[in-house]
N, C-alpha and C. Protein backbone atom coordinates (compact mmCIF):
# COMPACT_ATOMS: atom_id res chain seq x y z
N MET A 1 0.86 -1.22 -0.02
CA MET A 1 -0.03 0.00 0.02
C MET A 1 0.85 1.19 0.00
N ARG A 2 0.53 2.19 -0.84
CA ARG A 2 1.35 3.35 -0.99
C ARG A 2 0.70 4.57 -0.35
N LEU A 3 1.44 5.25 0.50
CA LEU A 3 0.86 6.34 1.31
C LEU A 3 1.60 7.62 0.97
N LEU A 4 0.83 8.71 1.12
CA LEU A 4 1.41 10.09 1.09
C LEU A 4 1.30 10.68 2.45
N LEU A 5 2.42 11.11 3.04
CA LEU A 5 2.51 11.72 4.34
C LEU A 5 2.76 13.15 4.19
N ALA A 6 1.84 13.98 4.68
CA ALA A 6 2.01 15.46 4.62
C ALA A 6 2.22 15.93 6.07
N GLU A 7 3.43 16.19 6.46
CA GLU A 7 3.79 16.47 7.83
C GLU A 7 5.04 17.36 7.83
N ASP A 8 5.01 18.44 8.63
CA ASP A 8 6.12 19.38 8.61
C ASP A 8 7.06 19.19 9.72
N GLU A 9 6.80 18.31 10.68
CA GLU A 9 7.77 18.01 11.76
C GLU A 9 8.68 16.91 11.22
N SER A 10 9.90 17.28 10.84
CA SER A 10 10.79 16.34 10.11
C SER A 10 11.21 15.12 10.96
N GLU A 11 11.38 15.37 12.27
CA GLU A 11 11.75 14.22 13.11
C GLU A 11 10.62 13.15 13.16
N LEU A 12 9.40 13.58 13.31
CA LEU A 12 8.26 12.71 13.32
C LEU A 12 8.08 12.07 11.96
N ALA A 13 8.18 12.84 10.90
CA ALA A 13 8.03 12.34 9.55
C ALA A 13 9.03 11.24 9.26
N ASN A 14 10.31 11.48 9.55
CA ASN A 14 11.35 10.48 9.28
C ASN A 14 11.08 9.17 10.05
N TRP A 15 10.65 9.33 11.26
CA TRP A 15 10.38 8.17 12.04
C TRP A 15 9.18 7.37 11.49
N LEU A 16 8.14 8.14 11.09
CA LEU A 16 6.96 7.48 10.50
C LEU A 16 7.25 6.76 9.19
N VAL A 17 8.08 7.39 8.34
CA VAL A 17 8.42 6.79 7.10
C VAL A 17 9.12 5.47 7.31
N ARG A 18 10.12 5.50 8.20
CA ARG A 18 10.85 4.27 8.52
C ARG A 18 9.99 3.15 9.10
N ALA A 19 9.19 3.58 10.06
CA ALA A 19 8.34 2.58 10.79
C ALA A 19 7.24 2.00 9.88
N LEU A 20 6.60 2.80 9.10
CA LEU A 20 5.59 2.31 8.21
C LEU A 20 6.16 1.42 7.08
N GLU A 21 7.33 1.79 6.63
CA GLU A 21 7.96 0.93 5.57
C GLU A 21 8.37 -0.38 6.10
N GLN A 22 8.78 -0.43 7.36
CA GLN A 22 9.10 -1.74 8.01
C GLN A 22 7.87 -2.62 8.11
N SER A 23 6.66 -2.00 8.11
CA SER A 23 5.42 -2.73 8.21
C SER A 23 4.83 -3.06 6.84
N GLY A 24 5.54 -2.76 5.77
CA GLY A 24 5.14 -3.12 4.44
C GLY A 24 4.45 -2.03 3.59
N PHE A 25 4.38 -0.79 4.20
CA PHE A 25 3.79 0.30 3.50
C PHE A 25 4.93 1.03 2.69
N GLN A 26 4.56 1.69 1.61
CA GLN A 26 5.45 2.51 0.90
C GLN A 26 5.01 4.00 1.19
N VAL A 27 5.95 4.88 1.57
CA VAL A 27 5.54 6.20 2.01
C VAL A 27 6.39 7.25 1.32
N ASP A 28 5.67 8.23 0.73
CA ASP A 28 6.30 9.45 0.20
C ASP A 28 5.92 10.61 1.19
N TRP A 29 6.91 11.47 1.41
CA TRP A 29 6.73 12.52 2.35
C TRP A 29 6.84 13.89 1.77
N VAL A 30 5.93 14.79 2.08
CA VAL A 30 6.00 16.21 1.72
C VAL A 30 5.84 16.99 3.01
N ASN A 31 6.45 18.14 3.08
CA ASN A 31 6.37 18.97 4.32
C ASN A 31 5.71 20.29 4.08
N ASP A 32 5.03 20.47 2.93
CA ASP A 32 4.29 21.70 2.62
C ASP A 32 2.97 21.29 1.99
N GLY A 33 1.90 21.97 2.39
CA GLY A 33 0.57 21.60 1.93
C GLY A 33 0.41 21.76 0.44
N ARG A 34 1.18 22.68 -0.15
CA ARG A 34 1.04 22.92 -1.62
C ARG A 34 1.60 21.75 -2.43
N MET A 35 2.40 20.86 -1.79
CA MET A 35 2.98 19.72 -2.49
C MET A 35 2.09 18.57 -2.51
N VAL A 36 0.98 18.59 -1.78
CA VAL A 36 0.06 17.46 -1.77
C VAL A 36 -0.54 17.23 -3.15
N ARG A 37 -1.08 18.29 -3.72
CA ARG A 37 -1.74 18.13 -5.03
C ARG A 37 -0.74 17.72 -6.12
N VAL A 38 0.50 18.32 -5.99
CA VAL A 38 1.51 17.99 -6.96
C VAL A 38 1.81 16.49 -6.92
N SER A 39 1.96 15.96 -5.67
CA SER A 39 2.28 14.54 -5.50
C SER A 39 1.11 13.65 -6.00
N LEU A 40 -0.09 14.04 -5.71
CA LEU A 40 -1.29 13.28 -6.14
C LEU A 40 -1.44 13.24 -7.62
N LYS A 41 -0.99 14.22 -8.30
CA LYS A 41 -1.05 14.23 -9.75
C LYS A 41 -0.02 13.31 -10.37
N ALA A 42 1.12 13.16 -9.66
CA ALA A 42 2.23 12.33 -10.17
C ALA A 42 2.10 10.84 -9.84
N THR A 43 1.48 10.52 -8.72
CA THR A 43 1.51 9.22 -8.20
C THR A 43 0.11 8.75 -7.73
N ARG A 44 -0.15 7.52 -7.83
CA ARG A 44 -1.47 6.96 -7.32
C ARG A 44 -1.17 6.47 -5.90
N TYR A 45 -1.91 7.01 -4.90
CA TYR A 45 -1.77 6.65 -3.52
C TYR A 45 -3.00 5.87 -3.01
N ASP A 46 -2.80 5.10 -1.92
CA ASP A 46 -3.93 4.42 -1.34
C ASP A 46 -4.54 5.17 -0.21
N ALA A 47 -3.79 6.15 0.36
CA ALA A 47 -4.34 6.98 1.49
C ALA A 47 -3.36 8.16 1.71
N LEU A 48 -3.90 9.17 2.33
CA LEU A 48 -3.13 10.37 2.66
C LEU A 48 -3.16 10.53 4.20
N ILE A 49 -1.99 10.72 4.78
CA ILE A 49 -1.87 11.01 6.18
C ILE A 49 -1.59 12.57 6.24
N LEU A 50 -2.52 13.34 6.78
CA LEU A 50 -2.45 14.77 6.67
C LEU A 50 -2.39 15.45 7.99
N ASP A 51 -1.35 16.25 8.20
CA ASP A 51 -1.23 17.13 9.37
C ASP A 51 -1.98 18.42 9.10
N LEU A 52 -2.64 18.94 10.06
CA LEU A 52 -3.40 20.13 9.90
C LEU A 52 -2.51 21.41 9.83
N GLY A 53 -1.44 21.43 10.62
CA GLY A 53 -0.60 22.63 10.75
C GLY A 53 0.48 22.66 9.72
N LEU A 54 0.20 22.56 8.46
CA LEU A 54 1.16 22.58 7.44
C LEU A 54 1.53 24.03 6.96
N PRO A 55 2.73 24.29 6.56
CA PRO A 55 3.06 25.56 5.99
C PRO A 55 2.57 25.58 4.52
N GLY A 56 2.55 26.77 3.92
CA GLY A 56 2.20 26.84 2.51
C GLY A 56 0.67 26.82 2.31
N LEU A 57 0.05 25.66 2.68
CA LEU A 57 -1.40 25.50 2.62
C LEU A 57 -1.75 24.55 3.75
N ASP A 58 -2.57 25.07 4.72
CA ASP A 58 -2.77 24.20 5.92
C ASP A 58 -3.68 22.97 5.56
N GLY A 59 -3.73 22.08 6.50
CA GLY A 59 -4.46 20.84 6.29
C GLY A 59 -5.89 21.01 5.97
N HIS A 60 -6.55 21.98 6.61
CA HIS A 60 -7.96 22.26 6.31
C HIS A 60 -8.19 22.59 4.83
N ASP A 61 -7.34 23.44 4.32
CA ASP A 61 -7.48 23.87 2.93
C ASP A 61 -7.07 22.75 1.97
N VAL A 62 -6.12 21.96 2.31
CA VAL A 62 -5.69 20.78 1.48
C VAL A 62 -6.92 19.89 1.36
N LEU A 63 -7.56 19.57 2.51
CA LEU A 63 -8.68 18.66 2.53
C LEU A 63 -9.83 19.25 1.74
N ALA A 64 -10.11 20.53 1.90
CA ALA A 64 -11.18 21.17 1.24
C ALA A 64 -10.95 21.09 -0.25
N ASN A 65 -9.76 21.38 -0.73
CA ASN A 65 -9.41 21.36 -2.15
C ASN A 65 -9.64 19.94 -2.73
N LEU A 66 -9.25 18.97 -1.94
CA LEU A 66 -9.39 17.57 -2.43
C LEU A 66 -10.84 17.19 -2.61
N ARG A 67 -11.64 17.53 -1.66
CA ARG A 67 -13.07 17.10 -1.70
C ARG A 67 -13.84 17.99 -2.73
N GLN A 68 -13.45 19.24 -2.92
CA GLN A 68 -14.10 20.06 -3.93
C GLN A 68 -13.82 19.52 -5.31
N ALA A 69 -12.65 18.92 -5.49
CA ALA A 69 -12.22 18.31 -6.79
C ALA A 69 -12.74 16.92 -6.88
N ASP A 70 -13.56 16.49 -5.90
CA ASP A 70 -14.14 15.11 -5.89
C ASP A 70 -13.07 14.03 -5.87
N HIS A 71 -11.96 14.35 -5.24
CA HIS A 71 -10.87 13.37 -5.06
C HIS A 71 -11.23 12.52 -3.86
N ARG A 72 -11.43 11.21 -4.07
CA ARG A 72 -11.92 10.38 -2.99
C ARG A 72 -10.88 9.53 -2.31
N LEU A 73 -9.63 10.06 -2.35
CA LEU A 73 -8.57 9.33 -1.56
C LEU A 73 -8.91 9.37 -0.11
N PRO A 74 -8.73 8.19 0.59
CA PRO A 74 -8.96 8.17 2.02
C PRO A 74 -7.94 9.15 2.73
N VAL A 75 -8.45 9.88 3.69
CA VAL A 75 -7.61 10.87 4.34
C VAL A 75 -7.69 10.67 5.88
N LEU A 76 -6.55 10.42 6.51
CA LEU A 76 -6.43 10.30 7.95
C LEU A 76 -5.74 11.56 8.47
N ILE A 77 -6.40 12.28 9.35
CA ILE A 77 -5.84 13.51 9.90
C ILE A 77 -4.96 13.13 11.09
N LEU A 78 -3.78 13.66 11.09
CA LEU A 78 -2.83 13.48 12.17
C LEU A 78 -2.42 14.81 12.76
N THR A 79 -2.85 15.07 13.97
CA THR A 79 -2.68 16.42 14.51
C THR A 79 -2.54 16.41 16.03
N ALA A 80 -1.98 17.54 16.52
CA ALA A 80 -1.87 17.73 17.98
C ALA A 80 -3.11 18.40 18.52
N ARG A 81 -4.00 18.83 17.65
CA ARG A 81 -5.23 19.57 18.05
C ARG A 81 -6.28 18.57 18.42
N ASP A 82 -6.20 18.04 19.65
CA ASP A 82 -7.08 16.94 20.03
C ASP A 82 -8.26 17.58 20.89
N SER A 83 -9.29 17.91 20.16
CA SER A 83 -10.50 18.42 20.80
C SER A 83 -11.76 17.87 20.03
N LEU A 84 -12.87 17.78 20.70
CA LEU A 84 -14.06 17.29 20.07
C LEU A 84 -14.44 18.18 18.89
N LYS A 85 -14.36 19.45 19.12
CA LYS A 85 -14.75 20.44 18.04
C LYS A 85 -13.87 20.23 16.79
N GLU A 86 -12.58 20.06 17.08
CA GLU A 86 -11.62 19.90 15.91
C GLU A 86 -11.92 18.56 15.18
N ARG A 87 -12.24 17.49 15.96
CA ARG A 87 -12.51 16.22 15.33
C ARG A 87 -13.78 16.33 14.46
N VAL A 88 -14.82 16.88 15.06
CA VAL A 88 -16.12 17.01 14.34
C VAL A 88 -15.98 17.85 13.09
N SER A 89 -15.31 19.02 13.22
CA SER A 89 -15.23 19.89 12.10
C SER A 89 -14.40 19.30 10.98
N THR A 90 -13.32 18.55 11.34
CA THR A 90 -12.49 17.96 10.30
C THR A 90 -13.22 16.86 9.57
N LEU A 91 -14.00 16.03 10.32
CA LEU A 91 -14.78 14.97 9.72
C LEU A 91 -15.85 15.52 8.79
N HIS A 92 -16.48 16.66 9.20
CA HIS A 92 -17.44 17.31 8.32
C HIS A 92 -16.84 17.85 7.05
N GLU A 93 -15.54 18.21 7.18
CA GLU A 93 -14.83 18.78 5.98
C GLU A 93 -14.46 17.63 4.99
N GLY A 94 -14.58 16.42 5.42
CA GLY A 94 -14.31 15.29 4.45
C GLY A 94 -13.28 14.33 4.83
N ALA A 95 -12.71 14.53 6.05
CA ALA A 95 -11.70 13.58 6.54
C ALA A 95 -12.38 12.20 6.83
N ASP A 96 -11.64 11.14 6.65
CA ASP A 96 -12.19 9.79 6.93
C ASP A 96 -11.90 9.27 8.32
N ASP A 97 -10.80 9.81 8.93
CA ASP A 97 -10.50 9.39 10.25
C ASP A 97 -9.59 10.45 10.90
N PHE A 98 -9.39 10.36 12.22
CA PHE A 98 -8.68 11.42 12.95
C PHE A 98 -7.83 10.74 14.03
N LEU A 99 -6.57 11.04 14.13
CA LEU A 99 -5.72 10.47 15.19
C LEU A 99 -4.84 11.57 15.74
N ALA A 100 -4.99 11.73 17.11
CA ALA A 100 -4.29 12.80 17.78
C ALA A 100 -2.87 12.41 18.20
N LYS A 101 -1.97 13.32 18.16
CA LYS A 101 -0.64 13.11 18.64
C LYS A 101 -0.59 13.32 20.14
N PRO A 102 0.12 12.53 20.92
CA PRO A 102 0.98 11.37 20.48
C PRO A 102 0.06 10.17 20.23
N PHE A 103 0.57 9.17 19.44
CA PHE A 103 -0.25 8.05 19.09
C PHE A 103 0.63 6.81 19.03
N GLU A 104 0.01 5.66 19.07
CA GLU A 104 0.73 4.39 18.92
C GLU A 104 0.77 4.00 17.44
N LEU A 105 1.93 3.56 17.00
CA LEU A 105 2.06 3.21 15.64
C LEU A 105 1.10 2.09 15.19
N ALA A 106 0.89 1.15 16.08
CA ALA A 106 -0.04 0.02 15.77
C ALA A 106 -1.44 0.53 15.51
N GLU A 107 -1.86 1.59 16.23
CA GLU A 107 -3.17 2.07 16.00
C GLU A 107 -3.25 2.81 14.63
N LEU A 108 -2.19 3.55 14.33
CA LEU A 108 -2.16 4.25 13.05
C LEU A 108 -2.22 3.24 11.87
N GLU A 109 -1.39 2.12 11.97
CA GLU A 109 -1.43 1.17 10.95
C GLU A 109 -2.84 0.48 10.75
N ALA A 110 -3.44 0.23 11.98
CA ALA A 110 -4.77 -0.42 11.87
C ALA A 110 -5.83 0.52 11.27
N ARG A 111 -5.75 1.81 11.62
CA ARG A 111 -6.75 2.77 11.08
C ARG A 111 -6.45 2.91 9.53
N LEU A 112 -5.22 2.92 9.08
CA LEU A 112 -4.92 3.07 7.71
C LEU A 112 -5.43 1.89 6.90
N THR A 113 -5.20 0.69 7.43
CA THR A 113 -5.63 -0.49 6.76
C THR A 113 -7.16 -0.54 6.66
N ALA A 114 -7.80 -0.13 7.68
CA ALA A 114 -9.29 -0.11 7.67
C ALA A 114 -9.80 0.95 6.69
N LEU A 115 -9.17 2.08 6.61
CA LEU A 115 -9.60 3.11 5.69
C LEU A 115 -9.44 2.67 4.26
N ILE A 116 -8.35 2.05 3.96
CA ILE A 116 -8.08 1.60 2.61
C ILE A 116 -9.04 0.49 2.20
N ARG A 117 -9.30 -0.37 3.20
CA ARG A 117 -10.18 -1.48 2.93
C ARG A 117 -11.59 -1.05 2.63
N ARG A 118 -12.10 -0.04 3.44
CA ARG A 118 -13.41 0.51 3.26
C ARG A 118 -13.52 1.24 1.91
N SER A 119 -12.46 1.94 1.55
CA SER A 119 -12.49 2.69 0.29
C SER A 119 -12.64 1.80 -0.92
N ARG A 120 -12.28 0.55 -0.75
CA ARG A 120 -12.42 -0.47 -1.85
C ARG A 120 -13.75 -1.20 -1.76
N GLY A 121 -14.59 -0.79 -0.78
CA GLY A 121 -15.93 -1.36 -0.72
C GLY A 121 -15.99 -2.66 -0.01
N SER A 122 -15.00 -2.95 0.80
CA SER A 122 -15.02 -4.19 1.57
C SER A 122 -14.49 -4.06 2.98
N GLU A 123 -15.22 -4.68 3.90
CA GLU A 123 -14.75 -4.64 5.30
C GLU A 123 -13.91 -5.83 5.67
N HIS A 124 -13.78 -6.79 4.66
CA HIS A 124 -12.97 -7.99 4.92
C HIS A 124 -11.51 -7.67 4.85
N PRO A 125 -10.70 -8.13 5.86
CA PRO A 125 -9.29 -7.75 5.86
C PRO A 125 -8.44 -8.37 4.78
N ARG A 126 -8.96 -9.31 4.01
CA ARG A 126 -8.14 -9.95 3.01
C ARG A 126 -8.38 -9.33 1.65
N LEU A 127 -7.33 -9.18 0.86
CA LEU A 127 -7.47 -8.82 -0.51
C LEU A 127 -7.51 -10.11 -1.35
N ALA A 128 -8.32 -10.05 -2.41
CA ALA A 128 -8.50 -11.29 -3.16
C ALA A 128 -8.69 -10.95 -4.63
N CYS A 129 -8.28 -11.94 -5.44
CA CYS A 129 -8.58 -11.97 -6.91
C CYS A 129 -8.70 -13.41 -7.22
N GLY A 130 -9.99 -13.87 -7.36
CA GLY A 130 -10.28 -15.27 -7.59
C GLY A 130 -9.72 -16.15 -6.42
N PRO A 131 -8.94 -17.15 -6.76
CA PRO A 131 -8.39 -18.05 -5.72
C PRO A 131 -7.13 -17.49 -5.09
N LEU A 132 -6.71 -16.31 -5.55
CA LEU A 132 -5.53 -15.66 -4.94
C LEU A 132 -5.99 -14.78 -3.81
N ASN A 133 -5.41 -15.00 -2.63
CA ASN A 133 -5.78 -14.17 -1.46
C ASN A 133 -4.50 -13.63 -0.84
N TYR A 134 -4.67 -12.43 -0.18
CA TYR A 134 -3.55 -11.83 0.53
C TYR A 134 -4.03 -11.46 1.91
N ASP A 135 -3.39 -11.84 2.98
CA ASP A 135 -3.68 -11.58 4.33
C ASP A 135 -2.68 -10.54 4.81
N PRO A 136 -3.13 -9.23 4.97
CA PRO A 136 -2.21 -8.17 5.40
C PRO A 136 -1.60 -8.43 6.74
N GLY A 137 -2.35 -9.05 7.67
CA GLY A 137 -1.83 -9.30 8.98
C GLY A 137 -0.67 -10.29 8.94
N ALA A 138 -0.85 -11.37 8.21
CA ALA A 138 0.23 -12.37 8.09
C ALA A 138 1.23 -12.06 7.00
N LYS A 139 0.89 -11.06 6.19
CA LYS A 139 1.75 -10.71 5.03
C LYS A 139 2.07 -11.96 4.15
N GLN A 140 0.93 -12.71 3.92
CA GLN A 140 1.04 -13.96 3.19
C GLN A 140 0.05 -14.09 2.04
N PHE A 141 0.52 -14.48 0.91
CA PHE A 141 -0.35 -14.79 -0.26
C PHE A 141 -0.69 -16.32 -0.19
N THR A 142 -1.92 -16.61 -0.53
CA THR A 142 -2.25 -18.01 -0.78
C THR A 142 -2.96 -18.16 -2.11
N LEU A 143 -2.70 -19.28 -2.76
CA LEU A 143 -3.33 -19.54 -4.07
C LEU A 143 -4.06 -20.89 -3.91
N SER A 144 -5.41 -20.84 -4.03
CA SER A 144 -6.22 -22.01 -3.79
C SER A 144 -5.95 -22.58 -2.39
N HIS A 145 -5.82 -21.66 -1.40
CA HIS A 145 -5.68 -22.01 0.02
C HIS A 145 -4.22 -22.56 0.33
N GLN A 146 -3.32 -22.53 -0.62
CA GLN A 146 -1.98 -22.99 -0.41
C GLN A 146 -1.01 -21.81 -0.40
N PRO A 147 -0.14 -21.70 0.63
CA PRO A 147 0.86 -20.59 0.72
C PRO A 147 1.64 -20.46 -0.60
N LEU A 148 1.81 -19.20 -1.07
CA LEU A 148 2.52 -19.01 -2.29
C LEU A 148 3.93 -18.45 -1.93
N ALA A 149 4.96 -19.19 -2.31
CA ALA A 149 6.35 -18.83 -2.00
C ALA A 149 6.78 -17.79 -3.03
N LEU A 150 7.17 -16.61 -2.53
CA LEU A 150 7.59 -15.49 -3.34
C LEU A 150 8.84 -14.84 -2.77
N THR A 151 9.67 -14.30 -3.67
CA THR A 151 10.78 -13.46 -3.21
C THR A 151 10.19 -12.13 -2.73
N PRO A 152 10.99 -11.34 -1.99
CA PRO A 152 10.52 -10.04 -1.56
C PRO A 152 9.99 -9.15 -2.66
N ARG A 153 10.74 -9.14 -3.82
CA ARG A 153 10.30 -8.28 -4.90
C ARG A 153 9.09 -8.88 -5.60
N GLU A 154 8.95 -10.18 -5.71
CA GLU A 154 7.76 -10.74 -6.30
C GLU A 154 6.59 -10.41 -5.45
N HIS A 155 6.80 -10.52 -4.14
CA HIS A 155 5.70 -10.19 -3.18
C HIS A 155 5.27 -8.72 -3.33
N ALA A 156 6.23 -7.83 -3.42
CA ALA A 156 5.86 -6.41 -3.52
C ALA A 156 5.11 -6.16 -4.87
N ALA A 157 5.53 -6.81 -5.97
CA ALA A 157 4.89 -6.58 -7.26
C ALA A 157 3.50 -7.16 -7.23
N LEU A 158 3.31 -8.38 -6.67
CA LEU A 158 2.02 -8.96 -6.68
C LEU A 158 1.06 -8.25 -5.70
N LEU A 159 1.60 -7.67 -4.66
CA LEU A 159 0.83 -6.91 -3.73
C LEU A 159 0.27 -5.65 -4.44
N ALA A 160 1.12 -4.96 -5.17
CA ALA A 160 0.68 -3.78 -5.97
C ALA A 160 -0.45 -4.14 -6.93
N LEU A 161 -0.28 -5.32 -7.55
CA LEU A 161 -1.28 -5.73 -8.59
C LEU A 161 -2.63 -6.12 -7.89
N ILE A 162 -2.58 -6.88 -6.76
CA ILE A 162 -3.82 -7.28 -6.14
C ILE A 162 -4.56 -6.15 -5.44
N GLN A 163 -3.75 -5.14 -5.01
CA GLN A 163 -4.39 -3.96 -4.47
C GLN A 163 -5.25 -3.18 -5.48
N HIS A 164 -4.88 -3.41 -6.73
CA HIS A 164 -5.64 -2.74 -7.81
C HIS A 164 -6.11 -3.78 -8.85
N SER A 165 -6.60 -4.95 -8.34
CA SER A 165 -7.01 -5.98 -9.28
C SER A 165 -8.08 -5.53 -10.23
N ASN A 166 -7.99 -5.95 -11.38
CA ASN A 166 -8.92 -5.52 -12.47
C ASN A 166 -8.73 -4.06 -12.91
N GLU A 167 -7.66 -3.48 -12.44
CA GLU A 167 -7.32 -2.12 -12.87
C GLU A 167 -5.85 -2.16 -13.41
N PRO A 168 -5.58 -1.52 -14.53
CA PRO A 168 -4.23 -1.53 -15.04
C PRO A 168 -3.22 -0.74 -14.19
N LEU A 169 -2.04 -1.28 -13.99
CA LEU A 169 -0.91 -0.57 -13.35
C LEU A 169 0.17 -0.44 -14.42
N SER A 170 0.70 0.75 -14.58
CA SER A 170 1.75 0.97 -15.59
C SER A 170 3.05 0.35 -15.07
N LYS A 171 4.01 0.17 -15.99
CA LYS A 171 5.33 -0.34 -15.60
C LYS A 171 5.96 0.59 -14.56
N GLN A 172 5.78 1.86 -14.82
CA GLN A 172 6.42 2.84 -13.89
C GLN A 172 5.80 2.74 -12.48
N GLU A 173 4.50 2.49 -12.39
CA GLU A 173 3.88 2.44 -11.03
C GLU A 173 4.39 1.14 -10.35
N ILE A 174 4.50 0.05 -11.06
CA ILE A 174 5.08 -1.15 -10.46
C ILE A 174 6.48 -0.96 -10.11
N LEU A 175 7.23 -0.30 -10.98
CA LEU A 175 8.68 -0.06 -10.71
C LEU A 175 8.82 0.79 -9.42
N ASP A 176 8.02 1.81 -9.28
CA ASP A 176 8.09 2.64 -8.08
C ASP A 176 7.81 1.92 -6.79
N ARG A 177 6.95 0.92 -6.89
CA ARG A 177 6.51 0.19 -5.66
C ARG A 177 7.47 -0.89 -5.34
N VAL A 178 8.12 -1.49 -6.34
CA VAL A 178 8.95 -2.67 -6.14
C VAL A 178 10.40 -2.23 -5.91
N PHE A 179 10.87 -1.21 -6.60
CA PHE A 179 12.23 -0.73 -6.54
C PHE A 179 12.37 0.60 -5.98
N SER A 180 11.52 0.98 -4.98
CA SER A 180 11.45 2.35 -4.52
C SER A 180 12.77 2.78 -3.84
N ASP A 181 13.59 1.79 -3.39
CA ASP A 181 14.81 2.15 -2.69
C ASP A 181 16.04 2.10 -3.62
N GLU A 182 15.78 1.96 -4.92
CA GLU A 182 16.89 1.87 -5.87
C GLU A 182 16.77 2.90 -6.96
N GLN A 183 17.84 3.25 -7.54
CA GLN A 183 17.82 4.23 -8.62
C GLN A 183 18.31 3.56 -9.92
N ASP A 184 17.99 4.18 -11.03
CA ASP A 184 18.42 3.76 -12.36
C ASP A 184 18.06 2.27 -12.64
N VAL A 185 16.84 1.85 -12.22
CA VAL A 185 16.41 0.52 -12.49
C VAL A 185 15.67 0.55 -13.85
N HIS A 186 16.04 -0.34 -14.82
CA HIS A 186 15.41 -0.30 -16.10
C HIS A 186 14.07 -0.90 -16.07
N PRO A 187 13.12 -0.31 -16.87
CA PRO A 187 11.69 -0.84 -16.89
C PRO A 187 11.65 -2.30 -17.24
N GLU A 188 12.68 -2.81 -17.93
CA GLU A 188 12.66 -4.25 -18.30
C GLU A 188 12.63 -5.16 -17.07
N ALA A 189 13.06 -4.62 -15.90
CA ALA A 189 13.02 -5.32 -14.67
C ALA A 189 11.58 -5.71 -14.32
N VAL A 190 10.62 -4.88 -14.68
CA VAL A 190 9.21 -5.18 -14.36
C VAL A 190 8.78 -6.34 -15.28
N GLU A 191 9.20 -6.34 -16.51
CA GLU A 191 8.88 -7.46 -17.42
C GLU A 191 9.36 -8.79 -16.85
N VAL A 192 10.57 -8.78 -16.32
CA VAL A 192 11.12 -10.01 -15.75
C VAL A 192 10.28 -10.46 -14.53
N MET A 193 9.88 -9.43 -13.69
CA MET A 193 9.13 -9.73 -12.50
C MET A 193 7.82 -10.29 -12.84
N VAL A 194 7.08 -9.73 -13.88
CA VAL A 194 5.76 -10.17 -14.26
C VAL A 194 5.94 -11.60 -14.84
N HIS A 195 6.99 -11.85 -15.60
CA HIS A 195 7.21 -13.23 -16.15
C HIS A 195 7.34 -14.26 -15.04
N ARG A 196 8.01 -13.92 -13.99
CA ARG A 196 8.17 -14.83 -12.85
C ARG A 196 6.85 -15.06 -12.13
N LEU A 197 6.07 -14.00 -11.97
CA LEU A 197 4.80 -14.09 -11.31
C LEU A 197 3.83 -14.95 -12.12
N ARG A 198 3.89 -14.81 -13.44
CA ARG A 198 2.99 -15.65 -14.28
C ARG A 198 3.30 -17.11 -14.12
N LYS A 199 4.55 -17.43 -13.90
CA LYS A 199 4.90 -18.84 -13.61
C LYS A 199 4.37 -19.29 -12.26
N ARG A 200 4.41 -18.39 -11.27
CA ARG A 200 3.92 -18.75 -9.97
C ARG A 200 2.39 -19.00 -10.04
N LEU A 201 1.69 -18.30 -10.89
CA LEU A 201 0.25 -18.34 -10.94
C LEU A 201 -0.26 -19.39 -12.00
N ALA A 202 0.71 -19.98 -12.72
CA ALA A 202 0.34 -20.93 -13.82
C ALA A 202 -0.56 -22.09 -13.23
N GLY A 203 -1.50 -22.47 -14.01
CA GLY A 203 -2.37 -23.56 -13.60
C GLY A 203 -3.62 -23.12 -12.83
N SER A 204 -3.66 -21.85 -12.51
CA SER A 204 -4.80 -21.26 -11.78
C SER A 204 -5.65 -20.40 -12.72
N THR A 205 -6.73 -19.86 -12.24
CA THR A 205 -7.55 -18.98 -13.05
C THR A 205 -7.06 -17.55 -12.95
N VAL A 206 -6.09 -17.30 -12.11
CA VAL A 206 -5.59 -15.93 -11.95
C VAL A 206 -4.45 -15.67 -13.03
N ARG A 207 -4.54 -14.55 -13.65
CA ARG A 207 -3.57 -14.20 -14.69
C ARG A 207 -3.15 -12.75 -14.61
N ILE A 208 -1.99 -12.44 -15.15
CA ILE A 208 -1.53 -11.04 -15.29
C ILE A 208 -1.59 -10.76 -16.79
N SER A 209 -2.46 -9.95 -17.21
CA SER A 209 -2.62 -9.63 -18.58
C SER A 209 -1.90 -8.35 -18.91
N THR A 210 -1.40 -8.25 -20.18
CA THR A 210 -0.71 -7.06 -20.63
C THR A 210 -1.73 -6.24 -21.45
N LEU A 211 -1.86 -4.97 -21.03
CA LEU A 211 -2.75 -4.04 -21.79
C LEU A 211 -1.85 -3.06 -22.48
N ARG A 212 -1.82 -3.19 -23.78
CA ARG A 212 -0.88 -2.32 -24.57
C ARG A 212 -1.11 -0.87 -24.30
N GLY A 213 0.00 -0.19 -23.94
CA GLY A 213 -0.07 1.25 -23.67
C GLY A 213 -0.53 1.58 -22.26
N LEU A 214 -1.02 0.65 -21.48
CA LEU A 214 -1.51 0.89 -20.10
C LEU A 214 -0.71 0.19 -19.07
N GLY A 215 -0.21 -1.04 -19.34
CA GLY A 215 0.55 -1.73 -18.34
C GLY A 215 0.04 -3.12 -18.12
N TYR A 216 -0.10 -3.55 -16.88
CA TYR A 216 -0.49 -4.92 -16.52
C TYR A 216 -1.71 -4.90 -15.59
N VAL A 217 -2.53 -5.92 -15.71
CA VAL A 217 -3.74 -6.01 -14.86
C VAL A 217 -3.84 -7.45 -14.34
N LEU A 218 -4.18 -7.55 -13.01
CA LEU A 218 -4.35 -8.85 -12.40
C LEU A 218 -5.78 -9.13 -12.44
N GLU A 219 -6.24 -10.29 -12.98
CA GLU A 219 -7.61 -10.63 -13.09
C GLU A 219 -7.81 -12.08 -13.01
N SER A 220 -9.02 -12.50 -12.75
CA SER A 220 -9.35 -13.88 -12.64
C SER A 220 -10.53 -14.23 -13.48
N GLY A 221 -10.45 -15.46 -14.13
CA GLY A 221 -11.53 -15.87 -15.02
C GLY A 221 -11.28 -17.29 -15.47
N VAL A 222 -12.27 -17.85 -16.09
CA VAL A 222 -12.15 -19.26 -16.56
C VAL A 222 -11.15 -19.32 -17.69
């Protein structure tokens, strides 16, 4: 799952990025409210963690602009302003959840997972595409109820695909999610990864199809 963190406290932001990435999230960080829209135009995110006290454009304005543009990205407000009035007003403005500082990382992760799950129209904690299932808690894929053995990069690529099953992901989007910690990775690396995953899924009804000009899509059918 790919997150955008908008937070101007660098110490907190750096800690959050490291901690969330260790839990399997991918996190991009901006420290100015004006950079949120720029980032959203460049990258597809699963959720936004938004601080209210941002420079440039504060969190209230960022949230208002998103909702006025009918951008339905799940938004979790992260702020030191812990009051009932603040919570109610922020939720009325279009926030999906609210977490006051200080907070426990486990609670933040649980709230983010729930937000993303609800945004996809399902309260069930597992992601699925036909007989292929992913359990975020166990960080385990199963195919027809059998554990699927994957390398870390195969795992990351398949996770990106199942999070957007039946929707095309471009080579660049997969590249960003699988090789986020590396530079100068050639797009052909994605082709190699997809080839390996197709072998892992062979014999099942799950397939990774190539959509010319759009990328790859994970789908299931007879």
